Amino acid sequence: MGNSERKITALLITYNEIFHIDAVLDNVAFADEIIVVDSFSTDGTAEKVRHRPDVKLIQRPFKDFTDQKSFALDQASHDWVLFLDADERVTEPLKEEIIETVNLERPPANAYYFLRTFMFQDEVLHFSGWQSDKNYRLFRKSKVYFSEERIVHETLVINGKSGTLKNKLIHYSYKNYEDYKGKMIKYGQMKASEELDKDYSPNLYHFWFRPFYKFINHYIFRLGILDGKKGIIICYLNALGVHARYKELARLRSEKCEGGK
């Protein structure tokens, strides 16, 4: 655990992260408190966490990302929170920057973006739409909350200024084809739930043109072509996620209409 003047709570939400859990818990060991909120994993993730006396484990049913992350944030004992996904790693320079930042006499921001390096297995993906990827990962609990308007890619609302740390976070997002495909479809289906109350019904434009545009945008305009075969795979699966969103939205709308009869 860290010895910095201002203490840091590291938070994780998990479900079936046995592939990453040991590595990420070792990686955030510099934090003064580590809390894992697990959605009743079935692969042994929780059992691994229980063997670590320095980690607090809470198991709780998963409703959506915003709900689970809001709950986890409430559990933090310290004001500065480092909120990671299980497939993310803090590099040594980033760790030093985090500790230095939270211990500034007057930190210039209440929340900080981390730029992320996307890893395709053990290789860096340089383009394919991920070159500008960034997310809030370090923030003050007392100055933020997660917006309830988004349930997939949660939105952090900040009271005050935000900044960006210069060192990048490593993001081991792509383990294998089936794993990444499953994630894209899951995110697409959850995104459909977000859009259910909007006043439109998906049609051929949504089913085919929107995924096609997603692929072209990331593969051509955002230079996925320079990533070679990796770029084709990532751009295709990202487009598949868009198709899954509208397919699921059509199914939900059909159910809603039948329920209203």
Protein backbone atom coordinates (compact mmCIF):
# COMPACT_ATOMS: atom_id res chain seq x y z
CA MET A 1 0.00 0.00 0.00
CA GLY A 2 1.16 3.53 -0.71
CA ASN A 3 2.76 6.03 1.64
CA SER A 4 1.64 9.18 -0.16
CA GLU A 5 0.31 12.06 1.91
CA ARG A 6 -3.06 12.05 0.20
CA LYS A 7 -4.51 8.58 0.13
CA ILE A 8 -5.92 6.87 -2.94
CA THR A 9 -8.67 4.26 -3.24
CA ALA A 10 -8.39 1.91 -6.22
CA LEU A 11 -11.77 0.65 -7.45
CA LEU A 12 -12.62 -2.19 -9.83
CA ILE A 13 -15.90 -3.69 -10.95
CA THR A 14 -15.54 -7.25 -12.19
CA TYR A 15 -17.36 -10.16 -13.81
CA ASN A 16 -15.41 -13.24 -14.90
CA GLU A 17 -12.02 -11.52 -14.93
CA ILE A 18 -9.89 -14.47 -13.79
CA PHE A 19 -7.58 -13.85 -16.77
CA HIS A 20 -6.71 -10.35 -15.48
CA ILE A 21 -7.51 -10.20 -11.78
CA ASP A 22 -4.14 -11.10 -10.25
CA ALA A 23 -2.21 -8.82 -12.60
CA VAL A 24 -4.46 -5.81 -12.07
CA LEU A 25 -4.51 -6.19 -8.28
CA ASP A 26 -0.71 -6.40 -8.25
CA ASN A 27 -0.66 -3.35 -10.51
CA VAL A 28 -2.73 -1.13 -8.17
CA ALA A 29 -0.98 -2.31 -4.99
CA PHE A 30 0.43 1.22 -4.56
CA ALA A 31 -3.07 2.46 -3.65
CA ASP A 32 -3.94 2.88 0.03
CA GLU A 33 -7.22 0.99 -0.34
CA ILE A 34 -8.38 -1.51 -2.98
CA ILE A 35 -12.05 -2.40 -3.43
CA VAL A 36 -13.45 -4.94 -5.92
CA VAL A 37 -17.19 -4.96 -6.62
CA ASP A 38 -17.87 -8.29 -8.30
CA SER A 39 -21.09 -9.26 -10.09
CA PHE A 40 -21.04 -12.88 -8.87
CA SER A 41 -18.38 -14.14 -11.27
CA THR A 42 -18.60 -17.83 -12.18
CA ASP A 43 -14.96 -18.34 -13.20
CA GLY A 44 -13.25 -18.08 -9.81
CA THR A 45 -12.50 -14.32 -9.89
CA ALA A 46 -14.05 -13.72 -6.47
CA GLU A 47 -12.18 -16.68 -4.94
CA LYS A 48 -8.88 -15.19 -6.11
CA VAL A 49 -9.77 -11.83 -4.57
CA ARG A 50 -10.68 -13.49 -1.26
CA HIS A 51 -7.12 -14.78 -0.97
CA ARG A 52 -5.86 -11.19 -0.80
CA PRO A 53 -6.28 -9.76 2.71
CA ASP A 54 -5.42 -6.26 1.47
CA VAL A 55 -8.39 -6.18 -0.92
CA LYS A 56 -12.02 -5.57 0.08
CA LEU A 57 -14.44 -7.73 -1.93
CA ILE A 58 -18.12 -6.88 -2.30
CA GLN A 59 -20.44 -9.03 -4.40
CA ARG A 60 -23.50 -7.37 -5.85
CA PRO A 61 -25.87 -8.12 -8.78
CA PHE A 62 -25.08 -6.21 -11.98
CA LYS A 63 -27.79 -3.86 -13.27
CA ASP A 64 -25.72 -1.67 -15.61
CA PHE A 65 -22.28 -0.04 -15.62
CA THR A 66 -23.47 3.29 -14.23
CA ASP A 67 -25.29 1.66 -11.32
CA GLN A 68 -22.38 -0.64 -10.46
CA LYS A 69 -19.74 2.08 -10.72
CA SER A 70 -21.84 4.51 -8.66
CA PHE A 71 -22.13 1.88 -5.93
CA ALA A 72 -18.39 1.18 -6.03
CA LEU A 73 -17.62 4.90 -5.81
CA ASP A 74 -19.77 5.18 -2.69
CA GLN A 75 -17.61 2.51 -0.99
CA ALA A 76 -14.33 4.45 -1.33
CA SER A 77 -12.89 5.65 1.97
CA HIS A 78 -10.57 8.22 0.40
CA ASP A 79 -11.39 11.27 -1.72
CA TRP A 80 -8.96 10.49 -4.56
CA VAL A 81 -10.15 7.48 -6.55
CA LEU A 82 -8.32 5.48 -9.21
CA PHE A 83 -11.07 3.63 -11.10
CA LEU A 84 -9.74 0.98 -13.48
CA ASP A 85 -11.08 -1.82 -15.61
CA ALA A 86 -9.54 -5.24 -14.97
CA ASP A 87 -7.83 -5.21 -18.38
CA GLU A 88 -6.01 -1.92 -17.74
CA ARG A 89 -2.50 -1.45 -16.32
CA VAL A 90 -0.78 1.56 -14.82
CA THR A 91 2.78 1.98 -16.07
CA GLU A 92 5.53 3.02 -13.67
CA PRO A 93 5.75 6.59 -15.09
CA LEU A 94 1.95 6.90 -14.86
CA LYS A 95 2.00 5.66 -11.26
CA GLU A 96 4.55 8.35 -10.34
CA GLU A 97 2.46 10.97 -12.15
CA ILE A 98 -0.69 9.89 -10.27
CA ILE A 99 1.00 10.13 -6.87
CA GLU A 100 2.60 13.46 -7.75
CA THR A 101 -0.70 14.87 -9.03
CA VAL A 102 -2.87 13.98 -6.02
CA ASN A 103 -0.21 15.36 -3.66
CA LEU A 104 0.05 18.76 -5.33
CA GLU A 105 -0.73 21.50 -2.84
CA ARG A 106 -3.55 22.67 -5.09
CA PRO A 107 -4.32 20.07 -7.79
CA PRO A 108 -5.47 22.04 -10.86
CA ALA A 109 -8.31 19.61 -11.61
CA ASN A 110 -10.83 17.42 -9.82
CA ALA A 111 -10.76 14.69 -12.47
CA TYR A 112 -8.15 13.47 -14.96
CA TYR A 113 -8.39 11.74 -18.29
CA PHE A 114 -5.98 8.88 -18.98
CA LEU A 115 -4.98 8.36 -22.60
CA ARG A 116 -4.94 4.64 -23.36
CA THR A 117 -2.72 2.40 -25.46
CA PHE A 118 -4.92 -0.31 -27.02
CA MET A 119 -3.30 -3.75 -26.94
CA PHE A 120 -4.26 -6.34 -29.56
CA GLN A 121 -3.16 -9.33 -27.49
CA ASP A 122 0.49 -8.35 -26.86
CA GLU A 123 0.83 -5.94 -29.77
CA VAL A 124 0.07 -2.23 -29.81
CA LEU A 125 -2.81 -1.14 -32.04
CA HIS A 126 -1.78 2.31 -33.27
CA PHE A 127 -4.88 3.43 -35.20
CA SER A 128 -8.31 1.91 -36.05
CA GLY A 129 -10.14 4.66 -34.15
CA TRP A 130 -8.41 3.98 -30.85
CA GLN A 131 -5.52 6.44 -31.24
CA SER A 132 -7.38 9.20 -29.36
CA ASP A 133 -9.02 6.91 -26.80
CA LYS A 134 -9.19 8.38 -23.30
CA ASN A 135 -11.31 8.00 -20.19
CA TYR A 136 -11.56 9.51 -16.74
CA ARG A 137 -9.66 7.21 -14.40
CA LEU A 138 -8.50 9.48 -11.55
CA PHE A 139 -10.88 11.81 -9.76
CA ARG A 140 -12.08 13.18 -6.43
CA LYS A 141 -15.06 11.30 -5.04
CA SER A 142 -16.47 14.47 -3.49
CA LYS A 143 -16.50 16.30 -6.86
CA VAL A 144 -18.00 13.78 -9.30
CA TYR A 145 -20.90 11.44 -9.98
CA PHE A 146 -21.91 9.09 -12.78
CA SER A 147 -24.78 10.37 -14.94
CA GLU A 148 -27.80 8.06 -14.91
CA GLU A 149 -28.54 8.95 -18.55
CA ARG A 150 -25.89 6.49 -19.80
CA ILE A 151 -25.76 2.81 -18.83
CA VAL A 152 -23.02 1.42 -21.09
CA HIS A 153 -20.17 3.89 -21.55
CA GLU A 154 -20.90 5.70 -18.33
CA THR A 155 -20.50 9.47 -18.17
CA LEU A 156 -18.71 11.14 -15.29
CA VAL A 157 -20.13 14.51 -14.28
CA ILE A 158 -17.50 16.77 -12.71
CA ASN A 159 -17.92 19.72 -10.42
CA GLY A 160 -14.89 21.78 -11.42
CA LYS A 161 -12.03 21.46 -13.86
CA SER A 162 -10.69 18.34 -15.53
CA GLY A 163 -7.25 17.61 -16.93
CA THR A 164 -5.30 14.94 -18.79
CA LEU A 165 -2.27 13.08 -17.47
CA LYS A 166 0.62 12.84 -19.93
CA ASN A 167 1.54 9.16 -19.40
CA LYS A 168 -0.66 6.51 -20.97
CA LEU A 169 -2.62 3.64 -19.47
CA ILE A 170 -2.16 0.21 -21.06
CA HIS A 171 -5.46 -1.31 -22.20
CA TYR A 172 -5.41 -5.08 -22.85
CA SER A 173 -8.78 -4.98 -24.57
CA TYR A 174 -8.30 -7.70 -27.20
CA LYS A 175 -7.65 -11.17 -25.71
CA ASN A 176 -8.94 -13.17 -28.68
CA TYR A 177 -11.52 -12.92 -31.45
CA GLU A 178 -14.44 -14.55 -29.63
CA ASP A 179 -13.86 -12.58 -26.41
CA TYR A 180 -13.75 -9.20 -28.19
CA LYS A 181 -16.72 -10.12 -30.40
CA GLY A 182 -18.71 -11.01 -27.29
CA LYS A 183 -17.87 -7.66 -25.70
CA MET A 184 -18.89 -5.67 -28.78
CA ILE A 185 -22.22 -7.49 -29.04
CA LYS A 186 -22.89 -7.08 -25.32
CA TYR A 187 -22.13 -3.35 -25.43
CA GLY A 188 -24.30 -2.98 -28.52
CA GLN A 189 -27.23 -4.70 -26.84
CA MET A 190 -26.89 -2.56 -23.72
CA LYS A 191 -26.70 0.56 -25.89
CA ALA A 192 -30.04 -0.51 -27.41
CA SER A 193 -31.62 -0.31 -23.97
CA GLU A 194 -30.37 3.28 -23.67
CA GLU A 195 -32.06 4.21 -26.95
CA LEU A 196 -35.38 2.45 -26.37
CA ASP A 197 -37.14 5.65 -25.30
CA LYS A 198 -35.98 7.61 -28.35
CA ASP A 199 -38.61 8.28 -31.00
CA TYR A 200 -37.41 6.12 -33.89
CA SER A 201 -37.51 2.55 -35.12
CA PRO A 202 -34.41 0.98 -36.67
CA ASN A 203 -34.58 0.28 -40.40
CA LEU A 204 -32.23 -0.76 -43.20
CA TYR A 205 -30.28 2.48 -42.75
CA HIS A 206 -29.51 1.54 -39.13
CA PHE A 207 -29.01 -2.19 -39.75
CA TRP A 208 -26.55 -1.83 -42.64
CA PHE A 209 -25.45 1.73 -43.43
CA ARG A 210 -24.51 2.68 -39.85
CA PRO A 211 -22.28 -0.42 -39.33
CA PHE A 212 -20.79 0.11 -42.82
CA TYR A 213 -20.00 3.74 -42.01
CA LYS A 214 -18.47 2.70 -38.67
CA PHE A 215 -16.14 0.32 -40.49
CA ILE A 216 -15.16 2.84 -43.18
CA ASN A 217 -14.68 5.62 -40.65
CA HIS A 218 -12.32 3.59 -38.47
CA TYR A 219 -10.59 1.60 -41.22
CA ILE A 220 -10.09 4.39 -43.77
CA PHE A 221 -10.49 7.82 -42.14
CA ARG A 222 -9.01 6.79 -38.78
CA LEU A 223 -6.27 4.80 -40.47
CA GLY A 224 -7.08 1.25 -39.39
CA ILE A 225 -5.67 0.20 -42.74
CA LEU A 226 -2.21 0.97 -41.30
CA ASP A 227 -2.77 -1.62 -38.55
CA GLY A 228 -2.88 -4.41 -41.14
CA LYS A 229 -4.87 -7.54 -40.28
CA LYS A 230 -5.37 -6.31 -36.71
CA GLY A 231 -7.09 -3.21 -38.07
CA ILE A 232 -9.48 -5.22 -40.24
CA ILE A 233 -10.50 -7.40 -37.29
CA ILE A 234 -11.03 -4.53 -34.84
CA CYS A 235 -12.88 -2.32 -37.32
CA TYR A 236 -15.13 -5.21 -38.39
CA LEU A 237 -15.99 -6.19 -34.79
CA ASN A 238 -16.66 -2.56 -33.83
CA ALA A 239 -19.06 -2.33 -36.79
CA LEU A 240 -20.65 -5.62 -35.69
CA GLY A 241 -21.38 -4.00 -32.34
CA VAL A 242 -23.34 -1.25 -34.11
CA HIS A 243 -25.35 -3.87 -36.03
CA ALA A 244 -26.04 -5.73 -32.75
CA ARG A 245 -27.31 -2.48 -31.21
CA TYR A 246 -30.02 -1.92 -33.82
CA LYS A 247 -30.93 -5.60 -34.04
CA GLU A 248 -31.51 -5.62 -30.28
CA LEU A 249 -33.38 -2.30 -30.43
CA ALA A 250 -35.75 -3.76 -33.03
CA ARG A 251 -36.36 -6.76 -30.77
CA LEU A 252 -37.01 -4.56 -27.71
CA ARG A 253 -39.39 -2.31 -29.67
CA SER A 254 -41.30 -5.36 -30.90
CA GLU A 255 -41.63 -6.62 -27.33
CA LYS A 256 -42.75 -3.18 -26.17
CA CYS A 257 -45.41 -2.95 -28.87
CA GLU A 258 -46.72 -6.43 -28.11
CA GLY A 259 -46.84 -5.59 -24.41
CA GLY A 260 -48.87 -2.46 -25.16
CA LYS A 261 -51.62 -4.33 -26.98
